[in-house]
Amino acid sequence: AILTGSTRDNVALAQAQAWVHPAHRRGGVGTRLVDH
């Protein structure tokens, strides 16, 4: 996963993206990444 954002403006906002390897989908990995 990645997390990005500005420290100078729009400081309430963060952009996130998560990817789970196809062999490990639907096993809770995505949920743990998003929580983190």
All heavy atoms as atom14 arrays in JSON, in Angstrom:
{
  "sequence": "AILTGSTRDNVALAQAQAWVHPAHRRGGVGTRLVDH",
  "atom14_mask": [
    [1, 1, 1, 1, 1, 0, 0, 0, 0, 0, 0, 0, 0, 0],
    [1, 1, 1, 1, 1, 1, 1, 1, 0, 0, 0, 0, 0, 0],
    [1, 1, 1, 1, 1, 1, 1, 1, 0, 0, 0, 0, 0, 0],
    [1, 1, 1, 1, 1, 1, 1, 0, 0, 0, 0, 0, 0, 0],
    [1, 1, 1, 1, 0, 0, 0, 0, 0, 0, 0, 0, 0, 0],
    [1, 1, 1, 1, 1, 1, 0, 0, 0, 0, 0, 0, 0, 0],
    [1, 1, 1, 1, 1, 1, 1, 0, 0, 0, 0, 0, 0, 0],
    [1, 1, 1, 1, 1, 1, 1, 1, 1, 1, 1, 0, 0, 0],
    [1, 1, 1, 1, 1, 1, 1, 1, 0, 0, 0, 0, 0, 0],
    [1, 1, 1, 1, 1, 1, 1, 1, 0, 0, 0, 0, 0, 0],
    [1, 1, 1, 1, 1, 1, 1, 0, 0, 0, 0, 0, 0, 0],
    [1, 1, 1, 1, 1, 0, 0, 0, 0, 0, 0, 0, 0, 0],
    [1, 1, 1, 1, 1, 1, 1, 1, 0, 0, 0, 0, 0, 0],
    [1, 1, 1, 1, 1, 0, 0, 0, 0, 0, 0, 0, 0, 0],
    [1, 1, 1, 1, 1, 1, 1, 1, 1, 0, 0, 0, 0, 0],
    [1, 1, 1, 1, 1, 0, 0, 0, 0, 0, 0, 0, 0, 0],
    [1, 1, 1, 1, 1, 1, 1, 1, 1, 0, 0, 0, 0, 0],
    [1, 1, 1, 1, 1, 0, 0, 0, 0, 0, 0, 0, 0, 0],
    [1, 1, 1, 1, 1, 1, 1, 1, 1, 1, 1, 1, 1, 1],
    [1, 1, 1, 1, 1, 1, 1, 0, 0, 0, 0, 0, 0, 0],
    [1, 1, 1, 1, 1, 1, 1, 1, 1, 1, 0, 0, 0, 0],
    [1, 1, 1, 1, 1, 1, 1, 0, 0, 0, 0, 0, 0, 0],
    [1, 1, 1, 1, 1, 0, 0, 0, 0, 0, 0, 0, 0, 0],
    [1, 1, 1, 1, 1, 1, 1, 1, 1, 1, 0, 0, 0, 0],
    [1, 1, 1, 1, 1, 1, 1, 1, 1, 1, 1, 0, 0, 0],
    [1, 1, 1, 1, 1, 1, 1, 1, 1, 1, 1, 0, 0, 0],
    [1, 1, 1, 1, 0, 0, 0, 0, 0, 0, 0, 0, 0, 0],
    [1, 1, 1, 1, 0, 0, 0, 0, 0, 0, 0, 0, 0, 0],
    [1, 1, 1, 1, 1, 1, 1, 0, 0, 0, 0, 0, 0, 0],
    [1, 1, 1, 1, 0, 0, 0, 0, 0, 0, 0, 0, 0, 0],
    [1, 1, 1, 1, 1, 1, 1, 0, 0, 0, 0, 0, 0, 0],
    [1, 1, 1, 1, 1, 1, 1, 1, 1, 1, 1, 0, 0, 0],
    [1, 1, 1, 1, 1, 1, 1, 1, 0, 0, 0, 0, 0, 0],
    [1, 1, 1, 1, 1, 1, 1, 0, 0, 0, 0, 0, 0, 0],
    [1, 1, 1, 1, 1, 1, 1, 1, 0, 0, 0, 0, 0, 0],
    [1, 1, 1, 1, 1, 1, 1, 1, 1, 1, 0, 0, 0, 0]
  ],
  "atom14_positions": [
    [[0.85, -1.19, 0.0], [0.0, 0.0, 0.0], [0.88, 1.23, 0.0], [2.05, 1.18, 0.4], [-0.92, 0.01, 1.22], [0.0, 0.0, 0.0], [0.0, 0.0, 0.0], [0.0, 0.0, 0.0], [0.0, 0.0, 0.0], [0.0, 0.0, 0.0], [0.0, 0.0, 0.0], [0.0, 0.0, 0.0], [0.0, 0.0, 0.0], [0.0, 0.0, 0.0]],
    [[0.29, 2.35, -0.45], [0.97, 3.64, -0.36], [0.03, 4.65, 0.29], [-1.19, 4.51, 0.25], [1.43, 4.16, -1.74], [0.26, 4.28, -2.7], [2.54, 3.29, -2.31], [0.6, 4.96, -4.02], [0.0, 0.0, 0.0], [0.0, 0.0, 0.0], [0.0, 0.0, 0.0], [0.0, 0.0, 0.0], [0.0, 0.0, 0.0], [0.0, 0.0, 0.0]],
    [[0.62, 5.67, 0.88], [-0.12, 6.77, 1.49], [0.62, 8.05, 1.13], [1.83, 8.15, 1.33], [-0.18, 6.6, 3.01], [-0.97, 7.66, 3.78], [-2.47, 7.53, 3.5], [-0.71, 7.53, 5.28], [0.0, 0.0, 0.0], [0.0, 0.0, 0.0], [0.0, 0.0, 0.0], [0.0, 0.0, 0.0], [0.0, 0.0, 0.0], [0.0, 0.0, 0.0]],
    [[-0.09, 9.03, 0.59], [0.54, 10.27, 0.17], [-0.3, 11.46, 0.62], [-1.5, 11.34, 0.89], [0.69, 10.34, -1.37], [-0.6, 10.44, -1.96], [1.39, 9.1, -1.9], [0.0, 0.0, 0.0], [0.0, 0.0, 0.0], [0.0, 0.0, 0.0], [0.0, 0.0, 0.0], [0.0, 0.0, 0.0], [0.0, 0.0, 0.0], [0.0, 0.0, 0.0]],
    [[0.35, 12.61, 0.68], [-0.36, 13.83, 1.04], [0.58, 15.01, 1.07], [1.8, 14.86, 1.03], [0.0, 0.0, 0.0], [0.0, 0.0, 0.0], [0.0, 0.0, 0.0], [0.0, 0.0, 0.0], [0.0, 0.0, 0.0], [0.0, 0.0, 0.0], [0.0, 0.0, 0.0], [0.0, 0.0, 0.0], [0.0, 0.0, 0.0], [0.0, 0.0, 0.0]],
    [[0.0, 16.19, 1.15], [0.77, 17.42, 1.25], [0.96, 17.79, 2.72], [0.07, 17.53, 3.55], [0.04, 18.55, 0.52], [0.67, 19.8, 0.76], [0.0, 0.0, 0.0], [0.0, 0.0, 0.0], [0.0, 0.0, 0.0], [0.0, 0.0, 0.0], [0.0, 0.0, 0.0], [0.0, 0.0, 0.0], [0.0, 0.0, 0.0], [0.0, 0.0, 0.0]],
    [[2.07, 18.41, 3.03], [2.3, 18.92, 4.39], [2.14, 20.43, 4.44], [2.32, 21.03, 5.49], [3.71, 18.54, 4.87], [4.69, 19.1, 3.97], [3.89, 17.04, 4.93], [0.0, 0.0, 0.0], [0.0, 0.0, 0.0], [0.0, 0.0, 0.0], [0.0, 0.0, 0.0], [0.0, 0.0, 0.0], [0.0, 0.0, 0.0], [0.0, 0.0, 0.0]],
    [[1.78, 21.03, 3.29], [1.73, 22.49, 3.2], [0.3, 23.0, 3.0], [-0.06, 24.05, 3.5], [2.61, 22.95, 2.04], [2.66, 24.44, 1.84], [3.46, 24.79, 0.6], [4.84, 24.42, 0.76], [5.67, 24.18, -0.26], [5.22, 24.24, -1.5], [6.92, 23.85, -0.04], [0.0, 0.0, 0.0], [0.0, 0.0, 0.0], [0.0, 0.0, 0.0]],
    [[-0.5, 22.26, 2.24], [-1.87, 22.69, 1.97], [-2.76, 21.45, 1.95], [-2.28, 20.33, 1.82], [-1.96, 23.44, 0.64], [-1.19, 22.74, -0.47], [-1.55, 21.59, -0.82], [-0.21, 23.31, -0.98], [0.0, 0.0, 0.0], [0.0, 0.0, 0.0], [0.0, 0.0, 0.0], [0.0, 0.0, 0.0], [0.0, 0.0, 0.0], [0.0, 0.0, 0.0]],
    [[-4.05, 21.66, 2.09], [-5.0, 20.54, 2.13], [-4.52, 19.44, 3.08], [-4.51, 18.25, 2.75], [-5.21, 19.99, 0.71], [-5.8, 21.02, -0.23], [-6.94, 21.45, -0.06], [-5.01, 21.46, -1.2], [0.0, 0.0, 0.0], [0.0, 0.0, 0.0], [0.0, 0.0, 0.0], [0.0, 0.0, 0.0], [0.0, 0.0, 0.0], [0.0, 0.0, 0.0]],
    [[-4.11, 19.87, 4.27], [-3.44, 18.95, 5.2], [-4.41, 18.01, 5.9], [-3.99, 17.16, 6.69], [-2.61, 19.73, 6.24], [-1.46, 20.44, 5.57], [-3.49, 20.71, 7.01], [0.0, 0.0, 0.0], [0.0, 0.0, 0.0], [0.0, 0.0, 0.0], [0.0, 0.0, 0.0], [0.0, 0.0, 0.0], [0.0, 0.0, 0.0], [0.0, 0.0, 0.0]],
    [[-5.71, 18.15, 5.63], [-6.67, 17.18, 6.16], [-6.8, 15.95, 5.27], [-7.36, 14.94, 5.67], [-8.03, 17.83, 6.34], [0.0, 0.0, 0.0], [0.0, 0.0, 0.0], [0.0, 0.0, 0.0], [0.0, 0.0, 0.0], [0.0, 0.0, 0.0], [0.0, 0.0, 0.0], [0.0, 0.0, 0.0], [0.0, 0.0, 0.0], [0.0, 0.0, 0.0]],
    [[-6.24, 16.03, 4.05], [-6.46, 15.01, 3.03], [-5.25, 14.1, 2.86], [-4.11, 14.56, 2.85], [-6.75, 15.7, 1.69], [-6.88, 14.82, 0.44], [-8.1, 13.91, 0.54], [-6.95, 15.68, -0.81], [0.0, 0.0, 0.0], [0.0, 0.0, 0.0], [0.0, 0.0, 0.0], [0.0, 0.0, 0.0], [0.0, 0.0, 0.0], [0.0, 0.0, 0.0]],
    [[-5.52, 12.8, 2.71], [-4.5, 11.82, 2.33], [-5.05, 10.97, 1.2], [-6.25, 10.69, 1.15], [-4.11, 10.94, 3.51], [0.0, 0.0, 0.0], [0.0, 0.0, 0.0], [0.0, 0.0, 0.0], [0.0, 0.0, 0.0], [0.0, 0.0, 0.0], [0.0, 0.0, 0.0], [0.0, 0.0, 0.0], [0.0, 0.0, 0.0], [0.0, 0.0, 0.0]],
    [[-4.17, 10.57, 0.29], [-4.53, 9.66, -0.79], [-3.89, 8.31, -0.5], [-2.71, 8.24, -0.12], [-4.0, 10.18, -2.14], [-4.58, 11.52, -2.55], [-5.89, 11.39, -3.29], [-6.38, 10.29, -3.54], [-6.48, 12.51, -3.65], [0.0, 0.0, 0.0], [0.0, 0.0, 0.0], [0.0, 0.0, 0.0], [0.0, 0.0, 0.0], [0.0, 0.0, 0.0]],
    [[-4.65, 7.23, -0.65], [-4.14, 5.89, -0.35], [-4.45, 4.95, -1.5], [-5.39, 5.18, -2.28], [-4.76, 5.36, 0.93], [0.0, 0.0, 0.0], [0.0, 0.0, 0.0], [0.0, 0.0, 0.0], [0.0, 0.0, 0.0], [0.0, 0.0, 0.0], [0.0, 0.0, 0.0], [0.0, 0.0, 0.0], [0.0, 0.0, 0.0], [0.0, 0.0, 0.0]],
    [[-3.66, 3.9, -1.6], [-3.87, 2.86, -2.59], [-3.34, 1.56, -2.01], [-2.31, 1.55, -1.34], [-3.13, 3.19, -3.89], [-3.65, 2.52, -5.13], [-4.92, 3.17, -5.67], [-5.26, 4.29, -5.31], [-5.62, 2.46, -6.53], [0.0, 0.0, 0.0], [0.0, 0.0, 0.0], [0.0, 0.0, 0.0], [0.0, 0.0, 0.0], [0.0, 0.0, 0.0]],
    [[-4.03, 0.46, -2.26], [-3.59, -0.84, -1.75], [-3.71, -1.88, -2.85], [-4.62, -1.83, -3.68], [-4.43, -1.26, -0.54], [0.0, 0.0, 0.0], [0.0, 0.0, 0.0], [0.0, 0.0, 0.0], [0.0, 0.0, 0.0], [0.0, 0.0, 0.0], [0.0, 0.0, 0.0], [0.0, 0.0, 0.0], [0.0, 0.0, 0.0], [0.0, 0.0, 0.0]],
    [[-2.77, -2.83, -2.83], [-2.76, -3.93, -3.81], [-2.48, -5.23, -3.07], [-1.59, -5.3, -2.22], [-1.64, -3.74, -4.84], [-1.75, -2.51, -5.68], [-2.36, -2.37, -6.88], [-1.18, -1.21, -5.39], [-2.23, -1.09, -7.36], [-1.51, -0.36, -6.47], [-0.44, -0.7, -4.31], [-1.12, 0.98, -6.51], [-0.06, 0.63, -4.34], [-0.4, 1.46, -5.44]],
    [[-3.23, -6.26, -3.39], [-3.03, -7.59, -2.82], [-2.64, -8.53, -3.94], [-3.27, -8.52, -5.02], [-4.28, -8.1, -2.09], [-4.06, -9.51, -1.56], [-4.67, -7.14, -0.95], [0.0, 0.0, 0.0], [0.0, 0.0, 0.0], [0.0, 0.0, 0.0], [0.0, 0.0, 0.0], [0.0, 0.0, 0.0], [0.0, 0.0, 0.0], [0.0, 0.0, 0.0]],
    [[-1.63, -9.34, -3.71], [-1.22, -10.3, -4.73], [-2.4, -11.2, -5.08], [-3.14, -11.64, -4.18], [-0.05, -11.14, -4.24], [0.62, -11.92, -5.33], [0.06, -13.06, -5.89], [1.8, -11.72, -5.98], [0.86, -13.52, -6.81], [1.92, -12.72, -6.91], [0.0, 0.0, 0.0], [0.0, 0.0, 0.0], [0.0, 0.0, 0.0], [0.0, 0.0, 0.0]],
    [[-2.63, -11.47, -6.37], [-3.8, -12.28, -6.76], [-3.89, -13.61, -6.02], [-5.01, -14.1, -5.78], [-3.59, -12.49, -8.26], [-2.77, -11.32, -8.7], [-1.87, -10.99, -7.55], [0.0, 0.0, 0.0], [0.0, 0.0, 0.0], [0.0, 0.0, 0.0], [0.0, 0.0, 0.0], [0.0, 0.0, 0.0], [0.0, 0.0, 0.0], [0.0, 0.0, 0.0]],
    [[-2.78, -14.19, -5.63], [-2.8, -15.48, -4.94], [-3.3, -15.37, -3.5], [-3.58, -16.39, -2.86], [-1.4, -16.11, -4.95], [0.0, 0.0, 0.0], [0.0, 0.0, 0.0], [0.0, 0.0, 0.0], [0.0, 0.0, 0.0], [0.0, 0.0, 0.0], [0.0, 0.0, 0.0], [0.0, 0.0, 0.0], [0.0, 0.0, 0.0], [0.0, 0.0, 0.0]],
    [[-3.41, -14.14, -2.99], [-3.78, -13.97, -1.58], [-4.99, -13.07, -1.39], [-5.23, -12.57, -0.29], [-2.58, -13.39, -0.81], [-1.38, -14.27, -0.84], [-1.28, -15.43, -0.1], [-0.22, -14.17, -1.56], [-0.11, -16.0, -0.34], [0.55, -15.27, -1.22], [0.0, 0.0, 0.0], [0.0, 0.0, 0.0], [0.0, 0.0, 0.0], [0.0, 0.0, 0.0]],
    [[-5.8, -12.93, -2.43], [-7.0, -12.11, -2.3], [-8.09, -12.85, -1.53], [-8.07, -14.07, -1.44], [-7.51, -11.71, -3.68], [-6.64, -10.65, -4.34], [-7.17, -10.2, -5.67], [-6.36, -9.1, -6.2], [-6.46, -8.62, -7.42], [-7.35, -9.15, -8.26], [-5.7, -7.64, -7.83], [0.0, 0.0, 0.0], [0.0, 0.0, 0.0], [0.0, 0.0, 0.0]],
    [[-9.0, -12.05, -0.99], [-10.17, -12.55, -0.26], [-9.76, -13.33, 0.99], [-10.48, -14.22, 1.44], [-11.05, -13.42, -1.16], [-11.56, -12.68, -2.4], [-12.53, -13.52, -3.2], [-12.93, -12.85, -4.42], [-13.87, -11.92, -4.51], [-14.53, -11.56, -3.41], [-14.16, -11.35, -5.66], [0.0, 0.0, 0.0], [0.0, 0.0, 0.0], [0.0, 0.0, 0.0]],
    [[-8.6, -12.96, 1.54], [-8.16, -13.62, 2.77], [-7.94, -12.66, 3.91], [-7.36, -13.04, 4.94], [0.0, 0.0, 0.0], [0.0, 0.0, 0.0], [0.0, 0.0, 0.0], [0.0, 0.0, 0.0], [0.0, 0.0, 0.0], [0.0, 0.0, 0.0], [0.0, 0.0, 0.0], [0.0, 0.0, 0.0], [0.0, 0.0, 0.0], [0.0, 0.0, 0.0]],
    [[-8.37, -11.42, 3.76], [-8.22, -10.44, 4.84], [-7.01, -9.55, 4.73], [-6.83, -8.63, 5.55], [0.0, 0.0, 0.0], [0.0, 0.0, 0.0], [0.0, 0.0, 0.0], [0.0, 0.0, 0.0], [0.0, 0.0, 0.0], [0.0, 0.0, 0.0], [0.0, 0.0, 0.0], [0.0, 0.0, 0.0], [0.0, 0.0, 0.0], [0.0, 0.0, 0.0]],
    [[-6.15, -9.78, 3.73], [-4.93, -8.97, 3.59], [-5.29, -7.53, 3.26], [-4.74, -6.59, 3.85], [-4.0, -9.56, 2.51], [-2.76, -8.68, 2.33], [-3.6, -10.98, 2.87], [0.0, 0.0, 0.0], [0.0, 0.0, 0.0], [0.0, 0.0, 0.0], [0.0, 0.0, 0.0], [0.0, 0.0, 0.0], [0.0, 0.0, 0.0], [0.0, 0.0, 0.0]],
    [[-6.22, -7.33, 2.33], [-6.61, -5.98, 1.95], [-7.19, -5.2, 3.12], [-6.89, -4.02, 3.3], [0.0, 0.0, 0.0], [0.0, 0.0, 0.0], [0.0, 0.0, 0.0], [0.0, 0.0, 0.0], [0.0, 0.0, 0.0], [0.0, 0.0, 0.0], [0.0, 0.0, 0.0], [0.0, 0.0, 0.0], [0.0, 0.0, 0.0], [0.0, 0.0, 0.0]],
    [[-8.0, -5.87, 3.94], [-8.58, -5.21, 5.11], [-7.49, -4.75, 6.07], [-7.53, -3.62, 6.58], [-9.55, -6.16, 5.82], [-10.64, -6.45, 4.93], [-10.09, -5.54, 7.09], [0.0, 0.0, 0.0], [0.0, 0.0, 0.0], [0.0, 0.0, 0.0], [0.0, 0.0, 0.0], [0.0, 0.0, 0.0], [0.0, 0.0, 0.0], [0.0, 0.0, 0.0]],
    [[-6.5, -5.61, 6.31], [-5.41, -5.23, 7.21], [-4.62, -4.06, 6.66], [-4.22, -3.15, 7.4], [-4.49, -6.43, 7.44], [-5.1, -7.51, 8.34], [-5.1, -7.06, 9.82], [-3.74, -6.83, 10.29], [-2.93, -7.8, 10.74], [-3.34, -9.06, 10.77], [-1.73, -7.51, 11.17], [0.0, 0.0, 0.0], [0.0, 0.0, 0.0], [0.0, 0.0, 0.0]],
    [[-4.37, -4.06, 5.36], [-3.63, -2.96, 4.76], [-4.4, -1.65, 4.87], [-3.84, -0.6, 5.23], [-3.34, -3.27, 3.29], [-2.15, -4.17, 3.0], [-2.19, -4.62, 1.54], [-0.84, -3.45, 3.28], [0.0, 0.0, 0.0], [0.0, 0.0, 0.0], [0.0, 0.0, 0.0], [0.0, 0.0, 0.0], [0.0, 0.0, 0.0], [0.0, 0.0, 0.0]],
    [[-5.69, -1.69, 4.55], [-6.49, -0.48, 4.63], [-6.56, 0.04, 6.06], [-6.44, 1.24, 6.31], [-7.9, -0.73, 4.05], [-8.81, 0.47, 4.32], [-7.82, -1.02, 2.56], [0.0, 0.0, 0.0], [0.0, 0.0, 0.0], [0.0, 0.0, 0.0], [0.0, 0.0, 0.0], [0.0, 0.0, 0.0], [0.0, 0.0, 0.0], [0.0, 0.0, 0.0]],
    [[-6.74, -0.86, 7.02], [-6.74, -0.45, 8.43], [-5.43, 0.26, 8.78], [-5.42, 1.29, 9.47], [-6.91, -1.66, 9.35], [-8.32, -2.21, 9.35], [-9.24, -1.5, 8.88], [-8.52, -3.35, 9.83], [0.0, 0.0, 0.0], [0.0, 0.0, 0.0], [0.0, 0.0, 0.0], [0.0, 0.0, 0.0], [0.0, 0.0, 0.0], [0.0, 0.0, 0.0]],
    [[-4.33, -0.3, 8.3], [-3.02, 0.27, 8.64], [-2.84, 1.66, 8.03], [-2.41, 2.59, 8.72], [-1.9, -0.66, 8.16], [-0.54, -0.22, 8.6], [-0.03, -0.53, 9.85], [0.43, 0.51, 7.96], [1.18, -0.01, 9.96], [1.48, 0.62, 8.83], [0.0, 0.0, 0.0], [0.0, 0.0, 0.0], [0.0, 0.0, 0.0], [0.0, 0.0, 0.0]]
  ]
}
